[in-house]
Structures are given as C-alpha cells and as structure tokens.
Protein backbone atom coordinates (compact mmCIF):
# COMPACT_ATOMS: atom_id res chain seq x y z
CA MET A 1 -111.94 -103.76 76.78
CA SER A 2 -108.56 -104.57 75.22
CA ILE A 3 -105.41 -106.19 76.45
CA GLU A 4 -102.31 -106.04 74.35
CA VAL A 5 -99.21 -108.12 75.22
CA LYS A 6 -95.82 -107.53 73.65
CA VAL A 7 -92.28 -108.60 74.37
CA LEU A 8 -89.80 -105.76 74.54
CA GLU A 9 -86.06 -105.54 74.22
CA SER A 10 -84.72 -106.30 77.63
CA LYS A 11 -82.30 -104.22 79.67
CA GLU A 12 -80.83 -105.09 82.97
CA LEU A 13 -82.83 -103.42 85.71
CA ASN A 14 -81.45 -102.76 89.14
CA VAL A 15 -84.60 -102.82 91.21
CA ASP A 16 -85.77 -104.36 94.44
CA GLU A 17 -86.96 -107.79 93.33
CA ASN A 18 -89.48 -107.98 96.18
CA ASN A 19 -91.30 -104.73 95.36
CA ILE A 20 -93.66 -103.64 92.71
CA VAL A 21 -91.91 -100.81 90.90
CA LEU A 22 -93.54 -97.67 89.49
CA LEU A 23 -91.88 -96.97 86.17
CA PRO A 24 -91.40 -93.53 84.65
CA ILE A 25 -92.86 -92.73 81.29
CA ASN A 26 -90.54 -94.18 78.64
CA PHE A 27 -88.33 -95.61 81.29
CA SER A 28 -86.00 -97.05 78.61
CA SER A 29 -85.13 -93.52 77.47
CA SER A 30 -82.77 -91.08 79.17
CA HIS A 31 -85.65 -89.26 80.90
CA LYS A 32 -86.04 -91.55 83.90
CA ASP A 33 -87.64 -88.93 86.11
CA GLU A 34 -90.92 -88.25 84.19
CA TYR A 35 -94.03 -89.90 85.68
CA HIS A 36 -97.76 -89.80 85.01
CA SER A 37 -99.41 -87.16 87.17
CA THR A 38 -101.36 -89.91 88.98
CA SER A 39 -98.12 -91.60 90.18
CA ILE A 40 -97.60 -89.67 93.42
CA SER A 41 -101.09 -90.14 94.85
CA PHE A 42 -101.16 -93.75 93.61
CA TYR A 43 -97.85 -94.47 95.29
CA LYS A 44 -98.98 -92.91 98.63
CA TYR A 45 -102.20 -94.97 98.61
CA VAL A 46 -100.65 -98.24 97.51
CA LYS A 47 -97.50 -98.21 99.76
CA LYS A 48 -99.73 -98.77 102.79
CA LYS A 49 -101.05 -102.01 101.30
CA ILE A 50 -98.32 -103.64 99.19
CA PRO A 51 -94.51 -103.31 98.79
CA ILE A 52 -93.87 -100.66 96.13
CA SER A 53 -91.07 -98.33 95.10
CA TYR A 54 -90.16 -95.87 92.39
CA PHE A 55 -87.74 -96.81 89.65
CA SER A 56 -86.24 -93.33 90.08
CA GLU A 57 -87.27 -90.28 92.02
CA PRO A 58 -90.08 -88.39 90.24
CA LYS A 59 -89.06 -84.91 89.21
CA ILE A 60 -91.50 -84.17 86.40
CA LEU A 61 -95.19 -85.07 86.37
CA VAL A 62 -96.83 -85.39 82.99
CA GLU A 63 -100.53 -84.71 82.91
CA GLN A 64 -102.66 -86.49 80.34
CA ARG A 65 -105.58 -84.36 79.16
CA SER A 66 -108.39 -86.78 78.61
CA GLY A 67 -111.57 -88.11 80.09
CA ASP A 68 -109.70 -91.38 80.58
CA TRP A 69 -107.68 -92.36 83.67
CA PHE A 70 -104.00 -93.04 82.95
CA GLY A 71 -102.42 -95.15 85.65
CA PRO A 72 -98.69 -95.34 86.28
CA GLU A 73 -96.83 -98.21 84.63
CA LEU A 74 -96.03 -100.98 87.06
CA LEU A 75 -93.15 -103.44 86.94
CA LEU A 76 -93.55 -106.87 88.45
CA LEU A 77 -90.65 -109.32 88.66
CA SER A 78 -91.51 -112.99 88.25
CA THR A 79 -89.36 -113.82 91.26
CA ALA A 80 -91.63 -111.68 93.50
CA ILE A 81 -94.75 -113.24 91.97
CA LEU A 82 -93.47 -116.74 92.54
CA GLU A 83 -92.33 -116.01 96.09
CA LYS A 84 -95.64 -114.21 96.98
CA PRO A 85 -98.37 -116.12 95.20
CA ASN A 86 -101.08 -113.61 96.19
CA LEU A 87 -99.10 -110.55 95.02
CA VAL A 88 -100.89 -110.25 91.67
CA GLU A 89 -104.35 -110.46 93.25
CA LEU A 90 -103.39 -107.96 95.92
CA THR A 91 -102.00 -105.57 93.35
CA ILE A 92 -105.08 -105.77 91.09
CA GLY A 93 -107.33 -105.37 94.14
CA VAL A 94 -105.43 -102.29 95.33
CA ILE A 95 -105.54 -100.74 91.84
CA LYS A 96 -109.33 -101.21 91.77
CA GLU A 97 -109.66 -99.77 95.31
CA TYR A 98 -107.60 -96.76 94.41
CA ILE A 99 -109.63 -96.03 91.30
CA VAL A 100 -112.92 -96.33 93.16
CA ASN A 101 -111.66 -93.97 95.92
CA PHE A 102 -110.17 -91.56 93.40
CA PHE A 103 -113.50 -91.16 91.59
CA LYS A 104 -115.69 -91.28 94.71
CA GLY A 105 -119.32 -91.02 93.60
CA GLU A 106 -118.42 -90.14 90.04
CA GLU A 107 -118.67 -92.33 86.97
CA ILE A 108 -115.38 -94.18 86.52
CA PRO A 109 -113.91 -93.44 83.06
CA ILE A 110 -111.96 -95.73 80.78
CA ILE A 111 -108.86 -96.95 82.46
CA LYS A 112 -105.45 -97.09 80.75
CA LEU A 113 -102.84 -99.04 82.56
CA GLU A 114 -99.61 -100.80 81.70
CA VAL A 115 -97.96 -103.64 83.60
CA SER A 116 -94.56 -104.96 82.67
CA VAL A 117 -93.41 -108.36 83.84
CA LYS A 118 -89.70 -109.05 84.02
CA GLU A 119 -88.72 -112.75 84.14
CA THR A 120 -85.28 -112.14 85.63
CA LYS A 121 -82.95 -109.12 85.80
CA LYS A 122 -81.44 -109.95 82.38
CA SER A 123 -84.19 -111.81 80.57
CA LYS A 124 -87.14 -110.54 78.54
CA LEU A 125 -89.57 -107.85 79.55
CA THR A 126 -93.21 -108.30 78.59
CA LYS A 127 -95.54 -105.31 78.55
CA ILE A 128 -99.30 -105.66 79.05
CA SER A 129 -101.38 -102.69 78.04
CA TYR A 130 -104.94 -102.55 79.41
CA GLU A 131 -107.72 -100.24 78.24
CA GLY A 132 -111.23 -100.68 79.48
CA ASP A 133 -113.58 -100.42 82.38
CA ILE A 134 -112.83 -101.19 86.04
CA ALA A 135 -114.45 -104.65 85.87
CA GLY A 136 -112.12 -105.81 83.16
CA ILE A 137 -108.92 -105.11 85.20
CA ASP A 138 -109.29 -108.60 86.63
CA LYS A 139 -108.32 -109.95 83.20
CA LEU A 140 -104.80 -108.58 83.79
CA LYS A 141 -104.24 -111.39 86.31
CA GLU A 142 -104.64 -114.01 83.56
CA SER A 143 -102.18 -112.21 81.29
CA ILE A 144 -99.57 -111.85 84.05
CA TYR A 145 -99.86 -115.49 85.06
CA LYS A 146 -99.44 -116.66 81.44
CA ILE A 147 -96.17 -114.76 81.26
CA VAL A 148 -94.87 -116.08 84.57
CA GLU A 149 -95.85 -119.70 83.85
CA LYS A 150 -93.89 -119.78 80.59
C-alpha cells in the first residue's frame, strides 16, 4: 500500500462547495471532459448516498487497460468537510461499498485512487494518491484530516 501526498499549483475552482466533485483526468488542462471509464457507474452509485457532482459534463471516457481498478479522482473542499464532520467517513465507506459491489464474488484487484483536497476556492490544492488493497483505503481518512487540520 502506498499513499503519496503532494501540494499542487492552485487554480480558482468554481464548484459546489457542499458536494464532492468528480474531476476529469488532468482537470488542470484544457481537456475538462475526459473521465476515467469507471466515473459514470461510480457517479450513479454514489449520488444516492452522498452529495456528488461532475466538475464538467463527461464527453470522453478513457479506459485504463490493466488488472488494477482506477477510480475517478475526487475533489473535497475543506469547507464541506468542516461543515459535515462525517463526510470523509461516508465517502470512504461508499467507495469501499462500490468496489465490493463492482467486483461481486471476484478477487478485488489493486485500487488506484486520487483524492484532492482544496482548502478554499483560491488556496492550495493537495492531491493524495492511493495505491493498494481495499483494506488500506481507510488510511486515506488520516491523510485527508491532516490536510484539513493544518
């Protein structure tokens, strides 16, 4: 299992501060409509359980050819986390539920998932990259809370 945390150059983001936002692949580039192929089914599953929205309307789905599972990148705003203290736990729980349901009865592969945490609309953006098994996803909570508590 590995968790990598890095601070990125920040851009102003016009997103709903109360929602978790699905980010397109390379959302900082001009191609803001390309998403991982898992994004649509993930969105449909998750929207019934937690507030979620797309950064932009998906137009192109990029399929990763691998035995690993590539989840869509999620954006969490610190204001939403502070206003809804259980949002992080709910989000991690729903991700785990989705993966278990997606691989019903099959062995769950290595999971690759990125979560970005934005402190405010104009402040820094911190990206957390996770790679590991389903049990290790809970470690994402610690990383997210460390960023928000700073």
